[in-house]
Amino acid sequence: MLLATQLERVFIFKEKSEEIRLTDPNPKWNVDAVLNFYTNTYSILTTAKISAPKIKDDTVEYHFESVMGTKG
């Protein structure tokens, strides 16, 4: 009998040129709740969108991508 393994979720965003990896605060929360949780620490996430999940190195990666526009 095969058993399913739940992969760990990892949340990633870029601040300037640095990639910041965030741990899952609660595996029972949906991805929007996790984003909302981290906006208290990283204000840039208040305007972020969530990318589709990607499996990498036995984790499920979600990328928080800033949707702030630039003036030019």
N, C-alpha and C. Protein backbone atom coordinates (compact mmCIF):
# COMPACT_ATOMS: atom_id res chain seq x y z
N MET A 1 0.85 -1.18 0.00
CA MET A 1 0.00 0.00 0.00
C MET A 1 0.90 1.25 0.00
N LEU A 2 0.57 2.19 -0.86
CA LEU A 2 1.32 3.44 -0.94
C LEU A 2 0.70 4.48 -0.02
N LEU A 3 1.55 5.20 0.67
CA LEU A 3 1.08 6.29 1.52
C LEU A 3 1.47 7.61 0.90
N ALA A 4 0.57 8.54 0.95
CA ALA A 4 0.85 9.88 0.41
C ALA A 4 1.61 10.68 1.45
N THR A 5 2.59 11.41 0.98
CA THR A 5 3.36 12.28 1.86
C THR A 5 2.98 13.72 1.55
N GLN A 6 2.66 14.47 2.60
CA GLN A 6 2.34 15.87 2.41
C GLN A 6 3.64 16.66 2.33
N LEU A 7 3.79 17.39 1.24
CA LEU A 7 5.01 18.18 1.06
C LEU A 7 4.93 19.48 1.86
N GLU A 8 6.07 19.89 2.37
CA GLU A 8 6.16 21.15 3.11
C GLU A 8 5.96 22.32 2.15
N ARG A 9 5.21 23.33 2.60
CA ARG A 9 5.03 24.53 1.80
C ARG A 9 6.10 25.55 2.17
N VAL A 10 6.62 26.24 1.16
CA VAL A 10 7.60 27.31 1.34
C VAL A 10 7.10 28.51 0.56
N PHE A 11 7.22 29.68 1.16
CA PHE A 11 6.74 30.91 0.53
C PHE A 11 7.94 31.80 0.27
N ILE A 12 8.05 32.31 -0.95
CA ILE A 12 9.23 33.04 -1.39
C ILE A 12 8.82 34.37 -2.00
N PHE A 13 9.59 35.40 -1.67
CA PHE A 13 9.43 36.67 -2.37
C PHE A 13 10.78 37.34 -2.46
N LYS A 14 10.89 38.26 -3.41
CA LYS A 14 12.14 39.01 -3.58
C LYS A 14 11.95 40.41 -3.05
N GLU A 15 12.91 40.82 -2.24
CA GLU A 15 12.95 42.18 -1.75
C GLU A 15 14.28 42.76 -2.21
N LYS A 16 14.18 43.73 -3.11
CA LYS A 16 15.35 44.26 -3.81
C LYS A 16 15.96 43.10 -4.59
N SER A 17 17.19 42.72 -4.34
CA SER A 17 17.78 41.61 -5.08
C SER A 17 17.90 40.35 -4.23
N GLU A 18 17.34 40.39 -3.03
CA GLU A 18 17.44 39.27 -2.10
C GLU A 18 16.19 38.41 -2.14
N GLU A 19 16.38 37.09 -2.23
CA GLU A 19 15.25 36.16 -2.17
C GLU A 19 15.01 35.79 -0.72
N ILE A 20 13.80 35.99 -0.25
CA ILE A 20 13.45 35.69 1.14
C ILE A 20 12.51 34.49 1.16
N ARG A 21 12.93 33.48 1.92
CA ARG A 21 12.15 32.25 2.06
C ARG A 21 11.45 32.26 3.41
N LEU A 22 10.16 32.06 3.38
CA LEU A 22 9.35 32.09 4.60
C LEU A 22 8.80 30.69 4.87
N THR A 23 8.80 30.31 6.13
CA THR A 23 8.25 29.01 6.50
C THR A 23 6.73 29.09 6.60
N ASP A 24 6.11 27.97 6.61
CA ASP A 24 4.66 27.89 6.70
C ASP A 24 4.23 28.09 8.16
N PRO A 25 3.52 29.17 8.47
CA PRO A 25 3.14 29.42 9.86
C PRO A 25 2.08 28.43 10.37
N ASN A 26 1.28 27.90 9.46
CA ASN A 26 0.25 26.94 9.85
C ASN A 26 -0.20 26.17 8.60
N PRO A 27 0.14 24.89 8.50
CA PRO A 27 -0.21 24.12 7.30
C PRO A 27 -1.72 24.04 7.02
N LYS A 28 -2.55 24.32 8.02
CA LYS A 28 -4.00 24.28 7.82
C LYS A 28 -4.54 25.54 7.16
N TRP A 29 -3.75 26.61 7.15
CA TRP A 29 -4.19 27.87 6.54
C TRP A 29 -4.12 27.78 5.03
N ASN A 30 -5.04 28.48 4.37
CA ASN A 30 -4.92 28.58 2.91
C ASN A 30 -3.83 29.60 2.59
N VAL A 31 -3.43 29.64 1.34
CA VAL A 31 -2.30 30.47 0.92
C VAL A 31 -2.58 31.96 1.15
N ASP A 32 -3.81 32.38 0.94
CA ASP A 32 -4.16 33.79 1.19
C ASP A 32 -3.98 34.16 2.66
N ALA A 33 -4.32 33.24 3.56
CA ALA A 33 -4.16 33.51 4.99
C ALA A 33 -2.68 33.63 5.35
N VAL A 34 -1.83 32.82 4.71
CA VAL A 34 -0.39 32.90 4.95
C VAL A 34 0.14 34.26 4.46
N LEU A 35 -0.28 34.66 3.27
CA LEU A 35 0.13 35.97 2.74
C LEU A 35 -0.30 37.08 3.71
N ASN A 36 -1.52 37.04 4.16
CA ASN A 36 -2.03 38.03 5.10
C ASN A 36 -1.22 38.04 6.40
N PHE A 37 -0.86 36.87 6.89
CA PHE A 37 -0.05 36.74 8.10
C PHE A 37 1.29 37.46 7.94
N TYR A 38 1.95 37.25 6.82
CA TYR A 38 3.28 37.82 6.61
C TYR A 38 3.26 39.31 6.24
N THR A 39 2.11 39.87 5.87
CA THR A 39 2.06 41.30 5.58
C THR A 39 2.34 42.13 6.83
N ASN A 40 2.13 41.56 8.01
CA ASN A 40 2.44 42.27 9.25
C ASN A 40 3.94 42.50 9.40
N THR A 41 4.74 41.61 8.84
CA THR A 41 6.19 41.71 8.93
C THR A 41 6.79 42.37 7.70
N TYR A 42 6.26 42.06 6.53
CA TYR A 42 6.79 42.56 5.26
C TYR A 42 5.70 43.36 4.55
N SER A 43 5.70 44.66 4.73
CA SER A 43 4.62 45.49 4.19
C SER A 43 4.53 45.44 2.67
N ILE A 44 5.62 45.12 1.99
CA ILE A 44 5.59 45.03 0.53
C ILE A 44 4.61 43.96 0.05
N LEU A 45 4.29 43.02 0.92
CA LEU A 45 3.38 41.94 0.54
C LEU A 45 1.91 42.37 0.50
N THR A 46 1.60 43.57 0.96
CA THR A 46 0.21 44.01 0.94
C THR A 46 -0.33 44.13 -0.48
N THR A 47 0.53 44.31 -1.46
CA THR A 47 0.10 44.41 -2.85
C THR A 47 0.56 43.21 -3.69
N ALA A 48 0.95 42.13 -3.03
CA ALA A 48 1.49 40.98 -3.75
C ALA A 48 0.39 40.06 -4.27
N LYS A 49 0.72 39.36 -5.34
CA LYS A 49 -0.13 38.29 -5.83
C LYS A 49 0.62 36.98 -5.60
N ILE A 50 -0.12 35.89 -5.64
CA ILE A 50 0.46 34.57 -5.36
C ILE A 50 0.56 33.79 -6.65
N SER A 51 1.75 33.27 -6.93
CA SER A 51 1.94 32.46 -8.14
C SER A 51 1.40 31.05 -7.92
N ALA A 52 1.23 30.34 -9.01
CA ALA A 52 0.83 28.94 -8.93
C ALA A 52 1.93 28.15 -8.23
N PRO A 53 1.56 27.13 -7.46
CA PRO A 53 2.58 26.37 -6.74
C PRO A 53 3.46 25.55 -7.69
N LYS A 54 4.73 25.39 -7.28
CA LYS A 54 5.69 24.56 -8.02
C LYS A 54 6.35 23.62 -7.04
N ILE A 55 6.48 22.36 -7.44
CA ILE A 55 7.16 21.39 -6.59
C ILE A 55 8.64 21.43 -6.88
N LYS A 56 9.45 21.61 -5.82
CA LYS A 56 10.89 21.68 -5.98
C LYS A 56 11.55 21.14 -4.71
N ASP A 57 12.45 20.19 -4.87
CA ASP A 57 13.20 19.63 -3.74
C ASP A 57 12.29 19.18 -2.60
N ASP A 58 11.27 18.43 -2.91
CA ASP A 58 10.33 17.89 -1.92
C ASP A 58 9.60 18.97 -1.11
N THR A 59 9.43 20.14 -1.70
CA THR A 59 8.62 21.19 -1.09
C THR A 59 7.68 21.74 -2.16
N VAL A 60 6.64 22.39 -1.73
CA VAL A 60 5.75 23.11 -2.63
C VAL A 60 6.07 24.59 -2.46
N GLU A 61 6.56 25.22 -3.52
CA GLU A 61 6.95 26.62 -3.45
C GLU A 61 5.85 27.52 -3.99
N TYR A 62 5.53 28.53 -3.21
CA TYR A 62 4.63 29.59 -3.64
C TYR A 62 5.46 30.87 -3.68
N HIS A 63 5.32 31.63 -4.74
CA HIS A 63 6.03 32.91 -4.85
C HIS A 63 5.05 34.04 -4.66
N PHE A 64 5.39 34.95 -3.77
CA PHE A 64 4.63 36.18 -3.58
C PHE A 64 5.30 37.20 -4.47
N GLU A 65 4.57 37.73 -5.44
CA GLU A 65 5.14 38.65 -6.41
C GLU A 65 4.49 40.01 -6.26
N SER A 66 5.33 41.01 -6.10
CA SER A 66 4.85 42.38 -5.93
C SER A 66 4.19 42.85 -7.21
N VAL A 67 3.06 43.52 -7.09
CA VAL A 67 2.37 44.05 -8.27
C VAL A 67 2.42 45.57 -8.28
N MET A 68 3.34 46.13 -7.49
CA MET A 68 3.51 47.58 -7.47
C MET A 68 4.08 48.03 -8.80
N GLY A 69 3.49 49.04 -9.38
CA GLY A 69 3.96 49.57 -10.65
C GLY A 69 5.15 50.48 -10.46
N THR A 70 5.77 50.81 -11.56
CA THR A 70 6.89 51.75 -11.52
C THR A 70 6.53 52.96 -12.37
N LYS A 71 7.01 54.09 -11.96
CA LYS A 71 6.78 55.32 -12.74
C LYS A 71 7.95 55.49 -13.69
N GLY A 72 7.65 55.99 -14.88
CA GLY A 72 8.76 56.13 -15.79
C GLY A 72 8.58 57.11 -16.84
